[in-house]
Amino acid sequence: MERLPAQRQLTVVQLPDGRHVYADPADLPAAQPTGPQVVHIHQAAPDRTVQRIALGSGVGAGTVAAGVYFGPLLVGVLTAIAANLAILAFLAAVLAWGVVTVVRSVGGSGGKGAAKRPSRKGR
């Protein structure tokens, strides 16, 4: 047993054809550098595209991390604001309908005319 070589840990290695295998990196032939690796933007995951553009243009990792953190936060805040504005617009429409209905019912024939056409007293 003392003459056996030390067992090496197998690791996951990506072969040049793109496959991943469990192998000892020392047993594999040395990979020849083929130049810089080009990753096209449209192949990146959707949430990584902006990060790759930012890092490729020289923006620091801190800025990208801030964008990753504050991006979804900003979307959430804008969604909440839009929901509040939609509710306010709905309430304004309901209140306007209520005012018109009250003016028509209380005002009699004059109220119906006032609810249908704008006043011309200023002319």
Protein backbone atom coordinates (compact mmCIF):
# COMPACT_ATOMS: atom_id res chain seq x y z
CA MET A 1 0.00 0.00 0.00
CA GLU A 2 2.88 2.37 0.58
CA ARG A 3 3.95 2.17 -3.05
CA LEU A 4 0.66 3.48 -4.44
CA PRO A 5 0.72 7.04 -5.75
CA ALA A 6 -1.25 9.68 -3.87
CA GLN A 7 -4.79 9.91 -5.11
CA ARG A 8 -5.57 13.16 -6.88
CA GLN A 9 -8.89 14.91 -6.58
CA LEU A 10 -10.97 14.90 -9.73
CA THR A 11 -12.37 18.26 -10.74
CA VAL A 12 -14.84 19.41 -13.35
CA VAL A 13 -12.95 20.44 -16.47
CA GLN A 14 -14.40 22.05 -19.58
CA LEU A 15 -13.02 20.50 -22.73
CA PRO A 16 -12.29 22.60 -25.83
CA ASP A 17 -15.48 21.30 -27.49
CA GLY A 18 -17.56 22.74 -24.61
CA ARG A 19 -18.31 19.51 -22.72
CA HIS A 20 -17.75 19.30 -18.97
CA VAL A 21 -16.13 16.14 -17.57
CA TYR A 22 -14.64 14.93 -14.30
CA ALA A 23 -10.91 14.64 -14.88
CA ASP A 24 -7.53 15.37 -13.43
CA PRO A 25 -6.33 18.61 -15.04
CA ALA A 26 -2.75 17.30 -15.01
CA ASP A 27 -3.71 14.41 -17.30
CA LEU A 28 -5.23 16.65 -19.98
CA PRO A 29 -3.14 18.15 -22.77
CA ALA A 30 -2.35 21.82 -22.36
CA ALA A 31 -4.89 24.01 -24.08
CA GLN A 32 -3.52 26.22 -26.77
CA PRO A 33 -4.61 29.85 -26.37
CA THR A 34 -6.72 30.81 -29.35
CA GLY A 35 -7.00 34.49 -28.57
CA PRO A 36 -9.44 36.40 -26.45
CA GLN A 37 -12.74 34.76 -25.68
CA VAL A 38 -15.61 36.63 -27.28
CA VAL A 39 -19.00 36.36 -25.61
CA HIS A 40 -21.73 37.93 -27.66
CA ILE A 41 -24.16 40.10 -25.76
CA HIS A 42 -27.23 38.36 -27.12
CA GLN A 43 -25.96 35.04 -25.73
CA ALA A 44 -25.82 36.35 -22.18
CA ALA A 45 -28.63 35.81 -19.76
CA PRO A 46 -31.09 38.75 -19.81
CA ASP A 47 -30.12 39.93 -16.33
CA ARG A 48 -26.43 39.87 -17.24
CA THR A 49 -26.56 41.76 -20.53
CA VAL A 50 -26.37 45.24 -18.99
CA GLN A 51 -23.61 44.10 -16.67
CA ARG A 52 -21.53 42.80 -19.56
CA ILE A 53 -22.00 46.01 -21.51
CA ALA A 54 -21.08 48.08 -18.44
CA LEU A 55 -18.00 46.05 -17.60
CA GLY A 56 -16.94 46.00 -21.24
CA SER A 57 -17.13 49.78 -21.45
CA GLY A 58 -14.84 50.24 -18.46
CA VAL A 59 -17.38 50.87 -15.71
CA GLY A 60 -16.19 49.51 -12.39
CA ALA A 61 -17.60 46.49 -10.62
CA GLY A 62 -18.99 48.70 -7.84
CA THR A 63 -21.16 50.54 -10.32
CA VAL A 64 -22.40 47.29 -11.78
CA ALA A 65 -23.15 45.96 -8.30
CA ALA A 66 -25.09 49.14 -7.51
CA GLY A 67 -27.06 48.69 -10.74
CA VAL A 68 -27.82 45.09 -9.83
CA TYR A 69 -29.07 46.18 -6.42
CA PHE A 70 -30.88 49.39 -7.29
CA GLY A 71 -32.26 48.30 -10.67
CA PRO A 72 -35.00 46.01 -9.33
CA LEU A 73 -35.56 48.42 -6.45
CA LEU A 74 -36.20 51.24 -8.93
CA VAL A 75 -38.61 49.05 -10.91
CA GLY A 76 -40.52 48.28 -7.72
CA VAL A 77 -40.75 51.94 -6.72
CA LEU A 78 -41.92 53.01 -10.17
CA THR A 79 -44.52 50.23 -10.19
CA ALA A 80 -45.84 51.38 -6.82
CA ILE A 81 -46.03 54.99 -8.03
CA ALA A 82 -47.87 53.92 -11.19
CA ALA A 83 -50.34 51.89 -9.14
CA ASN A 84 -51.01 54.86 -6.85
CA LEU A 85 -51.56 57.16 -9.82
CA ALA A 86 -53.94 54.64 -11.40
CA ILE A 87 -55.97 54.48 -8.18
CA LEU A 88 -56.07 58.29 -7.96
CA ALA A 89 -57.21 58.56 -11.58
CA PHE A 90 -59.96 56.01 -10.94
CA LEU A 91 -61.10 57.91 -7.84
CA ALA A 92 -61.14 61.20 -9.79
CA ALA A 93 -63.30 59.61 -12.50
CA VAL A 94 -65.72 58.19 -9.91
CA LEU A 95 -65.95 61.53 -8.09
CA ALA A 96 -66.55 63.42 -11.35
CA TRP A 97 -69.30 60.96 -12.28
CA GLY A 98 -70.82 61.41 -8.81
CA VAL A 99 -70.77 65.21 -9.08
CA VAL A 100 -72.40 65.14 -12.52
CA THR A 101 -75.07 62.73 -11.28
CA VAL A 102 -75.84 64.90 -8.23
CA VAL A 103 -76.03 68.09 -10.34
CA ARG A 104 -78.43 66.40 -12.78
CA SER A 105 -80.72 65.06 -10.07
CA VAL A 106 -80.78 68.12 -7.77
CA GLY A 107 -80.77 70.89 -10.34
CA GLY A 108 -83.86 69.82 -12.29
CA SER A 109 -83.94 70.99 -15.91
CA GLY A 110 -81.29 73.67 -15.26
CA GLY A 111 -79.03 71.09 -13.65
CA LYS A 112 -79.30 68.76 -16.64
CA GLY A 113 -78.31 71.59 -18.97
CA ALA A 114 -75.42 72.60 -16.72
CA ALA A 115 -74.16 69.02 -16.65
CA LYS A 116 -74.30 68.68 -20.46
CA ARG A 117 -72.65 71.86 -21.74
CA PRO A 118 -70.05 74.27 -20.38
CA SER A 119 -71.10 77.67 -19.09
CA ARG A 120 -70.90 80.66 -21.48
CA LYS A 121 -71.07 83.41 -18.86
CA GLY A 122 -67.51 84.56 -19.55
CA ARG A 123 -68.27 85.64 -23.14
